[in-house]
Amino acid sequence: MTDLPDLLLQHAMTRLQHIRTALEGAAPSIATAAESLLTTCLQGHRVFLCPQPETQALAEQAASLLLNGMVQPRPGLPVILLHPLPGEGPGCLQQIGSLAAPGDALLALAGGRPEGLESLIDTARQYGMRLILLGSPVPESVASHLMEEDLVIRLDTPCPASQREASLAAVHALCEALDHRLLGLA
């Protein structure tokens, strides 16, 4: 029989390997997303964070890091964290429609469910927003709505726990890359 601490360590090491593999595959997209978000902000536009219900906490963490900085304190970036309003349905579409302007960026944090993603992608396109989709691989029904200029940070992991951890690590990497560029460190 395996000792419980050994079993826990084995599970942790397996999950860490899943996260590492996902981040290695996503690193070029994360770097491109950081540059895109930096360009958006430096051009005077805003970044809208739109989570699915299961990525709400991740969106709150991302908003905090984008506002406060991750490497060291710095002026906040123009970030708006969207929350679904009662009766609005998925995707915060009404809020985007009333707040967004061409050139703004939409960072959509997908949690593995395709519900609402097609409408969200179409809304971003309608308002001339840059679209960055971060999360698990999207089904073909959603992928067919994407265009070449859309950026997808695909975090492919074999289990939901690894997916959540890889998403948090990707958000940390994205925010750290932004800070390094903003502070002249990279």
N, C-alpha and C. Protein backbone atom coordinates (compact mmCIF):
# COMPACT_ATOMS: atom_id res chain seq x y z
N MET A 1 0.84 -1.17 0.00
CA MET A 1 0.00 0.00 0.00
C MET A 1 0.89 1.25 0.00
N THR A 2 0.51 2.26 -0.81
CA THR A 2 1.28 3.48 -0.94
C THR A 2 0.99 4.39 0.26
N ASP A 3 2.03 4.97 0.79
CA ASP A 3 1.91 5.90 1.88
C ASP A 3 1.21 7.17 1.37
N LEU A 4 0.29 7.74 2.16
CA LEU A 4 -0.49 8.91 1.73
C LEU A 4 0.39 10.10 1.31
N PRO A 5 1.42 10.47 2.07
CA PRO A 5 2.28 11.58 1.59
C PRO A 5 2.92 11.30 0.23
N ASP A 6 3.32 10.05 0.01
CA ASP A 6 3.92 9.70 -1.28
C ASP A 6 2.89 9.80 -2.40
N LEU A 7 1.68 9.36 -2.11
CA LEU A 7 0.59 9.44 -3.10
C LEU A 7 0.28 10.90 -3.44
N LEU A 8 0.19 11.74 -2.42
CA LEU A 8 -0.07 13.17 -2.65
C LEU A 8 1.04 13.82 -3.47
N LEU A 9 2.26 13.49 -3.15
CA LEU A 9 3.40 14.03 -3.90
C LEU A 9 3.36 13.56 -5.34
N GLN A 10 3.02 12.31 -5.55
CA GLN A 10 2.93 11.77 -6.91
C GLN A 10 1.85 12.50 -7.71
N HIS A 11 0.68 12.73 -7.09
CA HIS A 11 -0.39 13.46 -7.79
C HIS A 11 0.03 14.90 -8.09
N ALA A 12 0.69 15.53 -7.12
CA ALA A 12 1.14 16.90 -7.33
C ALA A 12 2.16 16.97 -8.46
N MET A 13 3.07 16.06 -8.51
CA MET A 13 4.09 16.06 -9.56
C MET A 13 3.46 15.83 -10.94
N THR A 14 2.46 14.96 -10.98
CA THR A 14 1.76 14.71 -12.25
C THR A 14 1.05 15.98 -12.71
N ARG A 15 0.35 16.66 -11.79
CA ARG A 15 -0.35 17.89 -12.16
C ARG A 15 0.62 18.98 -12.58
N LEU A 16 1.73 19.09 -11.88
CA LEU A 16 2.74 20.08 -12.27
C LEU A 16 3.26 19.81 -13.67
N GLN A 17 3.42 18.57 -14.02
CA GLN A 17 3.87 18.23 -15.37
C GLN A 17 2.81 18.61 -16.40
N HIS A 18 1.53 18.39 -16.08
CA HIS A 18 0.45 18.80 -16.98
C HIS A 18 0.46 20.31 -17.20
N ILE A 19 0.65 21.05 -16.12
CA ILE A 19 0.68 22.52 -16.20
C ILE A 19 1.88 22.97 -17.03
N ARG A 20 3.03 22.38 -16.77
CA ARG A 20 4.24 22.74 -17.52
C ARG A 20 4.05 22.50 -19.01
N THR A 21 3.50 21.34 -19.36
CA THR A 21 3.27 21.00 -20.76
C THR A 21 2.31 22.00 -21.40
N ALA A 22 1.24 22.35 -20.69
CA ALA A 22 0.27 23.31 -21.22
C ALA A 22 0.90 24.68 -21.43
N LEU A 23 1.70 25.13 -20.47
CA LEU A 23 2.32 26.44 -20.58
C LEU A 23 3.40 26.48 -21.66
N GLU A 24 4.13 25.40 -21.82
CA GLU A 24 5.14 25.35 -22.89
C GLU A 24 4.47 25.50 -24.25
N GLY A 25 3.33 24.86 -24.43
CA GLY A 25 2.60 24.98 -25.69
C GLY A 25 1.98 26.34 -25.90
N ALA A 26 1.63 27.00 -24.79
CA ALA A 26 0.93 28.28 -24.89
C ALA A 26 1.85 29.49 -24.80
N ALA A 27 3.11 29.29 -24.49
CA ALA A 27 4.03 30.42 -24.26
C ALA A 27 4.07 31.43 -25.41
N PRO A 28 4.16 31.00 -26.67
CA PRO A 28 4.15 32.01 -27.75
C PRO A 28 2.85 32.83 -27.78
N SER A 29 1.73 32.19 -27.54
CA SER A 29 0.44 32.90 -27.53
C SER A 29 0.35 33.86 -26.35
N ILE A 30 0.88 33.45 -25.20
CA ILE A 30 0.87 34.33 -24.02
C ILE A 30 1.71 35.57 -24.30
N ALA A 31 2.88 35.40 -24.91
CA ALA A 31 3.74 36.54 -25.24
C ALA A 31 3.04 37.47 -26.24
N THR A 32 2.40 36.91 -27.24
CA THR A 32 1.68 37.72 -28.22
C THR A 32 0.53 38.46 -27.54
N ALA A 33 -0.17 37.79 -26.63
CA ALA A 33 -1.27 38.43 -25.90
C ALA A 33 -0.77 39.59 -25.05
N ALA A 34 0.36 39.41 -24.39
CA ALA A 34 0.93 40.50 -23.59
C ALA A 34 1.23 41.71 -24.47
N GLU A 35 1.83 41.48 -25.62
CA GLU A 35 2.13 42.59 -26.53
C GLU A 35 0.84 43.26 -27.03
N SER A 36 -0.16 42.46 -27.33
CA SER A 36 -1.43 42.99 -27.81
C SER A 36 -2.12 43.83 -26.73
N LEU A 37 -2.13 43.33 -25.49
CA LEU A 37 -2.75 44.09 -24.40
C LEU A 37 -1.97 45.37 -24.12
N LEU A 38 -0.66 45.31 -24.18
CA LEU A 38 0.16 46.50 -23.99
C LEU A 38 -0.14 47.54 -25.06
N THR A 39 -0.20 47.10 -26.30
CA THR A 39 -0.52 48.02 -27.40
C THR A 39 -1.89 48.63 -27.20
N THR A 40 -2.86 47.83 -26.80
CA THR A 40 -4.22 48.32 -26.56
C THR A 40 -4.19 49.44 -25.52
N CYS A 41 -3.53 49.19 -24.41
CA CYS A 41 -3.49 50.19 -23.33
C CYS A 41 -2.72 51.44 -23.72
N LEU A 42 -1.58 51.27 -24.39
CA LEU A 42 -0.78 52.42 -24.78
C LEU A 42 -1.47 53.28 -25.85
N GLN A 43 -2.40 52.70 -26.58
CA GLN A 43 -3.17 53.46 -27.57
C GLN A 43 -4.41 54.11 -26.95
N GLY A 44 -4.54 54.01 -25.64
CA GLY A 44 -5.66 54.67 -24.94
C GLY A 44 -6.94 53.86 -24.91
N HIS A 45 -6.86 52.60 -25.20
CA HIS A 45 -8.05 51.75 -25.17
C HIS A 45 -8.10 50.95 -23.87
N ARG A 46 -9.19 50.23 -23.68
CA ARG A 46 -9.42 49.48 -22.45
C ARG A 46 -9.40 47.98 -22.71
N VAL A 47 -9.21 47.25 -21.61
CA VAL A 47 -9.24 45.80 -21.63
C VAL A 47 -10.46 45.36 -20.81
N PHE A 48 -11.33 44.61 -21.44
CA PHE A 48 -12.49 44.05 -20.76
C PHE A 48 -12.20 42.59 -20.43
N LEU A 49 -12.41 42.21 -19.19
CA LEU A 49 -12.26 40.82 -18.78
C LEU A 49 -13.64 40.21 -18.68
N CYS A 50 -13.87 39.16 -19.40
CA CYS A 50 -15.18 38.52 -19.41
C CYS A 50 -15.03 37.04 -19.04
N PRO A 51 -15.42 36.67 -17.82
CA PRO A 51 -15.30 35.28 -17.41
C PRO A 51 -16.59 34.49 -17.65
N GLN A 52 -16.43 33.19 -17.70
CA GLN A 52 -17.57 32.30 -17.57
C GLN A 52 -17.73 32.07 -16.06
N PRO A 53 -18.87 31.56 -15.61
CA PRO A 53 -19.06 31.41 -14.15
C PRO A 53 -17.91 30.67 -13.46
N GLU A 54 -17.37 29.63 -14.07
CA GLU A 54 -16.31 28.87 -13.43
C GLU A 54 -14.95 29.56 -13.48
N THR A 55 -14.83 30.66 -14.20
CA THR A 55 -13.56 31.39 -14.24
C THR A 55 -13.67 32.76 -13.59
N GLN A 56 -14.72 33.00 -12.85
CA GLN A 56 -14.92 34.30 -12.20
C GLN A 56 -13.75 34.65 -11.27
N ALA A 57 -13.35 33.72 -10.42
CA ALA A 57 -12.24 33.99 -9.49
C ALA A 57 -10.95 34.28 -10.26
N LEU A 58 -10.72 33.57 -11.35
CA LEU A 58 -9.54 33.81 -12.18
C LEU A 58 -9.59 35.22 -12.77
N ALA A 59 -10.75 35.64 -13.23
CA ALA A 59 -10.90 36.99 -13.79
C ALA A 59 -10.64 38.05 -12.73
N GLU A 60 -11.10 37.81 -11.51
CA GLU A 60 -10.85 38.77 -10.43
C GLU A 60 -9.37 38.87 -10.14
N GLN A 61 -8.68 37.74 -10.14
CA GLN A 61 -7.23 37.73 -9.92
C GLN A 61 -6.53 38.49 -11.06
N ALA A 62 -6.92 38.23 -12.30
CA ALA A 62 -6.31 38.91 -13.44
C ALA A 62 -6.54 40.42 -13.37
N ALA A 63 -7.75 40.82 -13.03
CA ALA A 63 -8.06 42.25 -12.93
C ALA A 63 -7.19 42.92 -11.86
N SER A 64 -7.04 42.26 -10.72
CA SER A 64 -6.20 42.81 -9.65
C SER A 64 -4.76 42.97 -10.10
N LEU A 65 -4.23 41.96 -10.76
CA LEU A 65 -2.84 42.02 -11.21
C LEU A 65 -2.65 43.08 -12.30
N LEU A 66 -3.61 43.21 -13.19
CA LEU A 66 -3.51 44.21 -14.25
C LEU A 66 -3.64 45.63 -13.69
N LEU A 67 -4.44 45.79 -12.64
CA LEU A 67 -4.59 47.10 -12.03
C LEU A 67 -3.42 47.48 -11.13
N ASN A 68 -2.90 46.52 -10.38
CA ASN A 68 -1.91 46.82 -9.36
C ASN A 68 -0.48 46.48 -9.74
N GLY A 69 -0.30 45.65 -10.74
CA GLY A 69 1.03 45.20 -11.10
C GLY A 69 1.37 43.90 -10.40
N MET A 70 2.28 43.17 -10.99
CA MET A 70 2.68 41.89 -10.43
C MET A 70 4.13 41.92 -9.99
N VAL A 71 4.99 42.54 -10.78
CA VAL A 71 6.42 42.57 -10.49
C VAL A 71 6.71 43.60 -9.39
N GLN A 72 6.13 44.78 -9.53
CA GLN A 72 6.25 45.85 -8.55
C GLN A 72 5.11 46.82 -8.80
N PRO A 73 4.80 47.68 -7.83
CA PRO A 73 3.69 48.62 -8.05
C PRO A 73 3.94 49.51 -9.26
N ARG A 74 2.87 49.82 -9.96
CA ARG A 74 2.93 50.68 -11.13
C ARG A 74 1.53 51.26 -11.33
N PRO A 75 1.40 52.27 -12.18
CA PRO A 75 0.05 52.78 -12.47
C PRO A 75 -0.82 51.66 -13.05
N GLY A 76 -2.08 51.66 -12.68
CA GLY A 76 -3.00 50.65 -13.15
C GLY A 76 -3.30 50.76 -14.63
N LEU A 77 -3.62 49.65 -15.23
CA LEU A 77 -4.03 49.61 -16.63
C LEU A 77 -5.54 49.79 -16.69
N PRO A 78 -6.05 50.28 -17.81
CA PRO A 78 -7.50 50.49 -17.94
C PRO A 78 -8.24 49.16 -18.16
N VAL A 79 -8.55 48.51 -17.05
CA VAL A 79 -9.16 47.18 -17.07
C VAL A 79 -10.56 47.25 -16.48
N ILE A 80 -11.50 46.61 -17.14
CA ILE A 80 -12.88 46.55 -16.65
C ILE A 80 -13.25 45.08 -16.51
N LEU A 81 -13.54 44.68 -15.27
CA LEU A 81 -13.97 43.32 -14.99
C LEU A 81 -15.49 43.26 -15.11
N LEU A 82 -15.97 42.45 -16.02
CA LEU A 82 -17.40 42.32 -16.25
C LEU A 82 -17.96 41.18 -15.40
N HIS A 83 -19.17 41.39 -14.92
CA HIS A 83 -19.91 40.36 -14.19
C HIS A 83 -21.27 40.24 -14.87
N PRO A 84 -21.75 39.03 -15.07
CA PRO A 84 -23.10 38.91 -15.65
C PRO A 84 -24.13 39.59 -14.75
N LEU A 85 -25.00 40.37 -15.35
CA LEU A 85 -26.07 41.02 -14.61
C LEU A 85 -27.28 40.09 -14.55
N PRO A 86 -28.14 40.26 -13.56
CA PRO A 86 -29.33 39.39 -13.48
C PRO A 86 -30.12 39.42 -14.79
N GLY A 87 -30.41 38.25 -15.30
CA GLY A 87 -31.19 38.12 -16.52
C GLY A 87 -30.42 38.38 -17.80
N GLU A 88 -29.14 38.69 -17.70
CA GLU A 88 -28.36 39.03 -18.90
C GLU A 88 -27.93 37.80 -19.69
N GLY A 89 -27.78 36.68 -19.03
CA GLY A 89 -27.28 35.51 -19.74
C GLY A 89 -25.77 35.52 -19.79
N PRO A 90 -25.18 34.51 -20.42
CA PRO A 90 -23.72 34.41 -20.42
C PRO A 90 -23.07 35.44 -21.32
N GLY A 91 -21.86 35.80 -20.96
CA GLY A 91 -21.05 36.60 -21.86
C GLY A 91 -21.05 38.09 -21.66
N CYS A 92 -21.86 38.63 -20.75
CA CYS A 92 -21.83 40.07 -20.48
C CYS A 92 -22.03 40.89 -21.74
N LEU A 93 -22.87 40.41 -22.65
CA LEU A 93 -23.00 41.04 -23.96
C LEU A 93 -23.56 42.45 -23.88
N GLN A 94 -24.54 42.68 -23.00
CA GLN A 94 -25.11 44.03 -22.89
C GLN A 94 -24.09 45.03 -22.38
N GLN A 95 -23.28 44.60 -21.41
CA GLN A 95 -22.26 45.50 -20.87
C GLN A 95 -21.23 45.86 -21.93
N ILE A 96 -20.81 44.87 -22.69
CA ILE A 96 -19.85 45.13 -23.76
C ILE A 96 -20.47 46.11 -24.76
N GLY A 97 -21.72 45.87 -25.12
CA GLY A 97 -22.39 46.73 -26.07
C GLY A 97 -22.51 48.18 -25.62
N SER A 98 -22.64 48.40 -24.31
CA SER A 98 -22.80 49.76 -23.83
C SER A 98 -21.48 50.43 -23.44
N LEU A 99 -20.41 49.66 -23.30
CA LEU A 99 -19.15 50.23 -22.83
C LEU A 99 -18.01 50.19 -23.85
N ALA A 100 -18.02 49.22 -24.73
CA ALA A 100 -16.86 48.98 -25.60
C ALA A 100 -16.79 49.97 -26.75
N ALA A 101 -15.57 50.17 -27.21
CA ALA A 101 -15.30 51.01 -28.37
C ALA A 101 -14.31 50.27 -29.27
N PRO A 102 -14.31 50.58 -30.55
CA PRO A 102 -13.33 49.95 -31.44
C PRO A 102 -11.91 50.17 -30.91
N GLY A 103 -11.12 49.11 -30.95
CA GLY A 103 -9.75 49.16 -30.46
C GLY A 103 -9.59 48.61 -29.05
N ASP A 104 -10.69 48.52 -28.30
CA ASP A 104 -10.63 47.90 -26.98
C ASP A 104 -10.32 46.41 -27.16
N ALA A 105 -9.88 45.79 -26.08
CA ALA A 105 -9.59 44.36 -26.11
C ALA A 105 -10.55 43.61 -25.20
N LEU A 106 -10.90 42.43 -25.61
CA LEU A 106 -11.74 41.55 -24.81
C LEU A 106 -10.92 40.31 -24.47
N LEU A 107 -10.63 40.15 -23.19
CA LEU A 107 -9.94 38.96 -22.70
C LEU A 107 -11.01 38.05 -22.11
N ALA A 108 -11.37 37.02 -22.86
CA ALA A 108 -12.41 36.08 -22.44
C ALA A 108 -11.74 34.89 -21.77
N LEU A 109 -12.17 34.59 -20.57
CA LEU A 109 -11.61 33.49 -19.80
C LEU A 109 -12.58 32.32 -19.86
N ALA A 110 -12.26 31.36 -20.70
CA ALA A 110 -13.15 30.22 -20.95
C ALA A 110 -12.87 29.11 -19.96
N GLY A 111 -13.94 28.53 -19.47
CA GLY A 111 -13.81 27.48 -18.48
C GLY A 111 -14.10 26.09 -18.99
N GLY A 112 -14.20 25.92 -20.27
CA GLY A 112 -14.42 24.59 -20.82
C GLY A 112 -15.83 24.36 -21.34
N ARG A 113 -16.73 25.29 -21.10
CA ARG A 113 -18.09 25.17 -21.62
C ARG A 113 -18.22 26.10 -22.83
N PRO A 114 -18.81 25.61 -23.91
CA PRO A 114 -18.94 26.47 -25.08
C PRO A 114 -20.11 27.47 -24.99
N GLU A 115 -21.00 27.31 -24.01
CA GLU A 115 -22.18 28.16 -23.91
C GLU A 115 -21.77 29.64 -23.84
N GLY A 116 -22.31 30.42 -24.73
CA GLY A 116 -22.09 31.86 -24.73
C GLY A 116 -20.84 32.32 -25.46
N LEU A 117 -19.91 31.42 -25.76
CA LEU A 117 -18.67 31.87 -26.39
C LEU A 117 -18.88 32.36 -27.82
N GLU A 118 -19.76 31.71 -28.57
CA GLU A 118 -20.01 32.14 -29.95
C GLU A 118 -20.56 33.56 -29.95
N SER A 119 -21.54 33.83 -29.08
CA SER A 119 -22.12 35.18 -29.01
C SER A 119 -21.09 36.20 -28.54
N LEU A 120 -20.24 35.79 -27.63
CA LEU A 120 -19.21 36.69 -27.13
C LEU A 120 -18.23 37.05 -28.25
N ILE A 121 -17.82 36.07 -29.02
CA ILE A 121 -16.92 36.31 -30.14
C ILE A 121 -17.57 37.23 -31.16
N ASP A 122 -18.82 36.97 -31.48
CA ASP A 122 -19.53 37.80 -32.45
C ASP A 122 -19.70 39.24 -31.94
N THR A 123 -19.93 39.40 -30.64
CA THR A 123 -20.09 40.74 -30.06
C THR A 123 -18.76 41.50 -30.12
N ALA A 124 -17.67 40.83 -29.79
CA ALA A 124 -16.35 41.48 -29.88
C ALA A 124 -16.11 41.96 -31.31
N ARG A 125 -16.45 41.13 -32.26
CA ARG A 125 -16.26 41.49 -33.67
C ARG A 125 -17.15 42.69 -34.04
N GLN A 126 -18.39 42.65 -33.58
CA GLN A 126 -19.35 43.72 -33.89
C GLN A 126 -18.85 45.08 -33.40
N TYR A 127 -18.16 45.10 -32.26
CA TYR A 127 -17.70 46.36 -31.69
C TYR A 127 -16.23 46.66 -31.98
N GLY A 128 -15.63 45.91 -32.89
CA GLY A 128 -14.25 46.19 -33.31
C GLY A 128 -13.22 45.98 -32.23
N MET A 129 -13.44 44.98 -31.39
CA MET A 129 -12.53 44.70 -30.28
C MET A 129 -11.51 43.64 -30.67
N ARG A 130 -10.33 43.75 -30.08
CA ARG A 130 -9.34 42.67 -30.18
C ARG A 130 -9.81 41.55 -29.27
N LEU A 131 -9.78 40.34 -29.75
CA LEU A 131 -10.25 39.21 -28.95
C LEU A 131 -9.09 38.31 -28.55
N ILE A 132 -9.00 38.05 -27.24
CA ILE A 132 -8.06 37.09 -26.70
C ILE A 132 -8.88 36.09 -25.90
N LEU A 133 -8.81 34.85 -26.27
CA LEU A 133 -9.56 33.79 -25.62
C LEU A 133 -8.57 32.89 -24.90
N LEU A 134 -8.68 32.83 -23.56
CA LEU A 134 -7.75 32.05 -22.75
C LEU A 134 -8.51 30.92 -22.08
N GLY A 135 -8.03 29.70 -22.23
CA GLY A 135 -8.66 28.57 -21.54
C GLY A 135 -8.46 27.27 -22.26
N SER A 136 -9.37 26.36 -21.97
CA SER A 136 -9.29 25.03 -22.54
C SER A 136 -9.58 25.09 -24.04
N PRO A 137 -9.19 24.06 -24.77
CA PRO A 137 -9.46 24.04 -26.21
C PRO A 137 -10.96 24.23 -26.48
N VAL A 138 -11.26 25.00 -27.51
CA VAL A 138 -12.66 25.27 -27.84
C VAL A 138 -13.16 24.26 -28.87
N PRO A 139 -14.44 23.92 -28.79
CA PRO A 139 -14.99 22.99 -29.79
C PRO A 139 -15.05 23.65 -31.16
N GLU A 140 -15.20 22.84 -32.18
CA GLU A 140 -15.23 23.33 -33.56
C GLU A 140 -16.34 24.36 -33.78
N SER A 141 -17.48 24.18 -33.11
CA SER A 141 -18.59 25.13 -33.26
C SER A 141 -18.17 26.54 -32.84
N VAL A 142 -17.31 26.65 -31.85
CA VAL A 142 -16.80 27.95 -31.40
C VAL A 142 -15.63 28.38 -32.29
N ALA A 143 -14.74 27.46 -32.58
CA ALA A 143 -13.56 27.78 -33.40
C ALA A 143 -13.95 28.33 -34.76
N SER A 144 -15.09 27.90 -35.29
CA SER A 144 -15.52 28.38 -36.60
C SER A 144 -15.88 29.86 -36.58
N HIS A 145 -16.10 30.44 -35.41
CA HIS A 145 -16.41 31.87 -35.29
C HIS A 145 -15.15 32.72 -35.18
N LEU A 146 -14.01 32.09 -34.95
CA LEU A 146 -12.76 32.83 -34.77
C LEU A 146 -12.19 33.24 -36.12
N MET A 147 -11.48 34.36 -36.10
CA MET A 147 -10.80 34.84 -37.30
C MET A 147 -9.30 34.80 -37.07
N GLU A 148 -8.55 34.98 -38.12
CA GLU A 148 -7.10 34.88 -38.04
C GLU A 148 -6.50 35.86 -37.03
N GLU A 149 -7.06 37.05 -36.91
CA GLU A 149 -6.51 38.04 -35.98
C GLU A 149 -6.87 37.79 -34.52
N ASP A 150 -7.81 36.88 -34.26
CA ASP A 150 -8.15 36.52 -32.89
C ASP A 150 -7.02 35.69 -32.30
N LEU A 151 -6.79 35.88 -31.04
CA LEU A 151 -5.72 35.17 -30.36
C LEU A 151 -6.32 34.17 -29.38
N VAL A 152 -5.91 32.93 -29.49
CA VAL A 152 -6.38 31.89 -28.59
C VAL A 152 -5.19 31.35 -27.81
N ILE A 153 -5.28 31.46 -26.48
CA ILE A 153 -4.28 30.87 -25.60
C ILE A 153 -4.87 29.55 -25.14
N ARG A 154 -4.47 28.52 -25.81
CA ARG A 154 -5.04 27.18 -25.61
C ARG A 154 -4.22 26.43 -24.57
N LEU A 155 -4.89 26.08 -23.48
CA LEU A 155 -4.24 25.35 -22.40
C LEU A 155 -4.84 23.95 -22.36
N ASP A 156 -4.14 23.05 -22.97
CA ASP A 156 -4.64 21.68 -23.10
C ASP A 156 -4.11 20.83 -21.95
N THR A 157 -5.02 20.42 -21.06
CA THR A 157 -4.66 19.57 -19.93
C THR A 157 -5.66 18.43 -19.83
N PRO A 158 -5.26 17.33 -19.19
CA PRO A 158 -6.14 16.17 -19.14
C PRO A 158 -7.21 16.18 -18.05
N CYS A 159 -7.15 17.14 -17.11
CA CYS A 159 -8.16 17.13 -16.04
C CYS A 159 -8.52 18.55 -15.63
N PRO A 160 -9.72 18.75 -15.08
CA PRO A 160 -10.18 20.09 -14.69
C PRO A 160 -9.26 20.78 -13.68
N ALA A 161 -8.73 20.05 -12.72
CA ALA A 161 -7.85 20.68 -11.73
C ALA A 161 -6.60 21.24 -12.39
N SER A 162 -6.01 20.48 -13.28
CA SER A 162 -4.83 20.97 -14.00
C SER A 162 -5.18 22.14 -14.89
N GLN A 163 -6.39 22.13 -15.47
CA GLN A 163 -6.85 23.22 -16.32
C GLN A 163 -6.92 24.53 -15.53
N ARG A 164 -7.52 24.46 -14.36
CA ARG A 164 -7.64 25.67 -13.53
C ARG A 164 -6.26 26.18 -13.11
N GLU A 165 -5.39 25.28 -12.73
CA GLU A 165 -4.04 25.68 -12.32
C GLU A 165 -3.23 26.23 -13.48
N ALA A 166 -3.37 25.62 -14.64
CA ALA A 166 -2.66 26.13 -15.83
C ALA A 166 -3.20 27.50 -16.24
N SER A 167 -4.50 27.70 -16.11
CA SER A 167 -5.09 29.01 -16.43
C SER A 167 -4.56 30.09 -15.51
N LEU A 168 -4.47 29.79 -14.21
CA LEU A 168 -3.92 30.75 -13.26
C LEU A 168 -2.45 31.04 -13.59
N ALA A 169 -1.68 30.00 -13.88
CA ALA A 169 -0.27 30.20 -14.23
C ALA A 169 -0.14 31.02 -15.51
N ALA A 170 -1.04 30.81 -16.47
CA ALA A 170 -1.00 31.59 -17.72
C ALA A 170 -1.33 33.05 -17.45
N VAL A 171 -2.30 33.32 -16.59
CA VAL A 171 -2.63 34.70 -16.23
C VAL A 171 -1.44 35.35 -15.54
N HIS A 172 -0.79 34.63 -14.63
CA HIS A 172 0.40 35.17 -13.97
C HIS A 172 1.49 35.48 -14.99
N ALA A 173 1.72 34.57 -15.92
CA ALA A 173 2.75 34.80 -16.94
C ALA A 173 2.40 36.00 -17.82
N LEU A 174 1.14 36.12 -18.19
CA LEU A 174 0.68 37.24 -19.01
C LEU A 174 0.90 38.57 -18.28
N CYS A 175 0.50 38.62 -17.02
CA CYS A 175 0.63 39.86 -16.25
C CYS A 175 2.09 40.19 -15.96
N GLU A 176 2.89 39.19 -15.71
CA GLU A 176 4.31 39.43 -15.48
C GLU A 176 4.98 39.94 -16.75
N ALA A 177 4.63 39.38 -17.89
CA ALA A 177 5.19 39.85 -19.17
C ALA A 177 4.80 41.30 -19.42
N LEU A 178 3.56 41.66 -19.14
CA LEU A 178 3.12 43.05 -19.29
C LEU A 178 3.93 43.97 -18.38
N ASP A 179 4.09 43.57 -17.13
CA ASP A 179 4.86 44.40 -16.20
C ASP A 179 6.30 44.59 -16.66
N HIS A 180 6.92 43.52 -17.13
CA HIS A 180 8.30 43.62 -17.59
C HIS A 180 8.40 44.61 -18.76
N ARG A 181 7.44 44.54 -19.66
CA ARG A 181 7.46 45.47 -20.81
C ARG A 181 7.16 46.90 -20.36
N LEU A 182 6.19 47.07 -19.48
CA LEU A 182 5.83 48.41 -19.02
C LEU A 182 6.95 49.06 -18.20
N LEU A 183 7.64 48.25 -17.41
CA LEU A 183 8.69 48.77 -16.54
C LEU A 183 10.06 48.77 -17.19
N GLY A 184 10.11 48.38 -18.48
CA GLY A 184 11.38 48.37 -19.20
C GLY A 184 12.34 47.29 -18.76
N LEU A 185 11.81 46.21 -18.22
CA LEU A 185 12.67 45.12 -17.72
C LEU A 185 12.93 44.05 -18.77
N ALA A 186 12.17 44.08 -19.88
CA ALA A 186 12.37 43.07 -20.92
C ALA A 186 12.17 43.67 -22.28
